[in-house]
C-alpha cells in the first residue's frame, strides 16, 4: 500500500503529519512532504488517519 501526495492540493494546514509522522514531514511553511510512500506493516491506520485529516484531499492511499 502506498500513500500518495498531490502537492498541488496541499494548502499547508499540517493536519496530516500528526497521525503519521513516520510517513509525512512538513516543510518550513507547513506543506506536506513525504518521508516514505510505502506504508509499513502496521502503519495502515496512521496512513488512513492522515488521509482523513487532510481538508483538501491532497493525500490518497493506493493498494
C-alpha atoms as a PDB file:
ATOM      1  CA  UNK A   1       0.000   0.000   0.000  1.00  0.00           C
ATOM      2  CA  UNK A   2       1.264   3.483  -0.876  1.00  0.00           C
ATOM      3  CA  UNK A   3       0.415   6.898   0.490  1.00  0.00           C
ATOM      4  CA  UNK A   4       0.495   9.475  -2.293  1.00  0.00           C
ATOM      5  CA  UNK A   5       0.532  13.265  -2.051  1.00  0.00           C
ATOM      6  CA  UNK A   6      -0.886  15.654  -4.634  1.00  0.00           C
ATOM      7  CA  UNK A   7       1.218  18.676  -3.710  1.00  0.00           C
ATOM      8  CA  UNK A   8      -0.929  20.976  -5.868  1.00  0.00           C
ATOM      9  CA  UNK A   9      -3.844  20.369  -3.456  1.00  0.00           C
ATOM     10  CA  UNK A  10      -1.848  20.818  -0.229  1.00  0.00           C
ATOM     11  CA  UNK A  11      -2.608  24.134   1.471  1.00  0.00           C
ATOM     12  CA  UNK A  12      -0.151  23.773   4.348  1.00  0.00           C
ATOM     13  CA  UNK A  13      -2.555  23.100   7.198  1.00  0.00           C
ATOM     14  CA  UNK A  14      -0.225  20.393   8.551  1.00  0.00           C
ATOM     15  CA  UNK A  15      -3.051  18.258   9.929  1.00  0.00           C
ATOM     16  CA  UNK A  16      -1.849  15.137   8.114  1.00  0.00           C
ATOM     17  CA  UNK A  17       1.513  14.954   9.845  1.00  0.00           C
ATOM     18  CA  UNK A  18       0.281  14.400  13.389  1.00  0.00           C
ATOM     19  CA  UNK A  19      -1.292  10.959  12.809  1.00  0.00           C
ATOM     20  CA  UNK A  20       1.532   9.752  10.521  1.00  0.00           C
ATOM     21  CA  UNK A  21       4.871  11.391  11.402  1.00  0.00           C
ATOM     22  CA  UNK A  22       6.742   8.338  10.147  1.00  0.00           C
ATOM     23  CA  UNK A  23       5.308   8.948   6.662  1.00  0.00           C
ATOM     24  CA  UNK A  24       4.912  12.724   6.428  1.00  0.00           C
ATOM     25  CA  UNK A  25       7.147  15.687   7.214  1.00  0.00           C
ATOM     26  CA  UNK A  26       6.210  19.339   6.988  1.00  0.00           C
ATOM     27  CA  UNK A  27       8.400  21.879   5.250  1.00  0.00           C
ATOM     28  CA  UNK A  28       9.203  25.254   6.790  1.00  0.00           C
ATOM     29  CA  UNK A  29       5.834  26.650   5.611  1.00  0.00           C
ATOM     30  CA  UNK A  30       3.763  23.694   6.845  1.00  0.00           C
ATOM     31  CA  UNK A  31       3.329  21.949   3.496  1.00  0.00           C
ATOM     32  CA  UNK A  32       3.409  18.166   3.466  1.00  0.00           C
ATOM     33  CA  UNK A  33       6.447  16.291   2.201  1.00  0.00           C
ATOM     34  CA  UNK A  34       6.525  12.538   2.006  1.00  0.00           C
ATOM     35  CA  UNK A  35       9.136  10.776   4.143  1.00  0.00           C
ATOM     36  CA  UNK A  36       8.057   7.479   2.615  1.00  0.00           C
ATOM     37  CA  UNK A  37       5.386   6.475   0.151  1.00  0.00           C
ATOM     38  CA  UNK A  38       5.337   2.783   1.066  1.00  0.00           C
ATOM     39  CA  UNK A  39       3.145   2.265   4.136  1.00  0.00           C
ATOM     40  CA  UNK A  40       4.999  -0.014   6.577  1.00  0.00           C
ATOM     41  CA  UNK A  41       3.382  -3.060   8.183  1.00  0.00           C
ATOM     42  CA  UNK A  42       1.116  -1.847  10.943  1.00  0.00           C
ATOM     43  CA  UNK A  43       1.029   1.687   9.533  1.00  0.00           C
ATOM     44  CA  UNK A  44      -2.250   1.454   7.662  1.00  0.00           C
ATOM     45  CA  UNK A  45      -4.318   3.030  10.454  1.00  0.00           C
ATOM     46  CA  UNK A  46      -1.945   6.011  10.655  1.00  0.00           C
ATOM     47  CA  UNK A  47      -1.992   6.450   6.869  1.00  0.00           C
ATOM     48  CA  UNK A  48      -5.792   6.311   6.790  1.00  0.00           C
ATOM     49  CA  UNK A  49      -5.956   8.875   9.604  1.00  0.00           C
ATOM     50  CA  UNK A  50      -3.628  11.194   7.673  1.00  0.00           C
ATOM     51  CA  UNK A  51      -5.816  10.918   4.570  1.00  0.00           C
ATOM     52  CA  UNK A  52      -8.918  11.643   6.641  1.00  0.00           C
ATOM     53  CA  UNK A  53      -7.274  14.631   8.354  1.00  0.00           C
ATOM     54  CA  UNK A  54      -6.491  16.472   5.106  1.00  0.00           C
ATOM     55  CA  UNK A  55      -9.221  19.042   4.413  1.00  0.00           C
ATOM     56  CA  UNK A  56      -8.125  19.382   0.764  1.00  0.00           C
ATOM     57  CA  UNK A  57      -7.920  15.677  -0.118  1.00  0.00           C
ATOM     58  CA  UNK A  58      -4.234  16.023  -1.019  1.00  0.00           C
ATOM     59  CA  UNK A  59      -3.452  12.503   0.221  1.00  0.00           C
ATOM     60  CA  UNK A  60      -4.714   9.168  -1.008  1.00  0.00           C
ATOM     61  CA  UNK A  61      -3.971   5.512  -0.393  1.00  0.00           C
ATOM     62  CA  UNK A  62      -3.297   3.184  -3.306  1.00  0.00           C
ATOM     63  CA  UNK A  63      -3.197  -0.579  -2.983  1.00  0.00           C
END
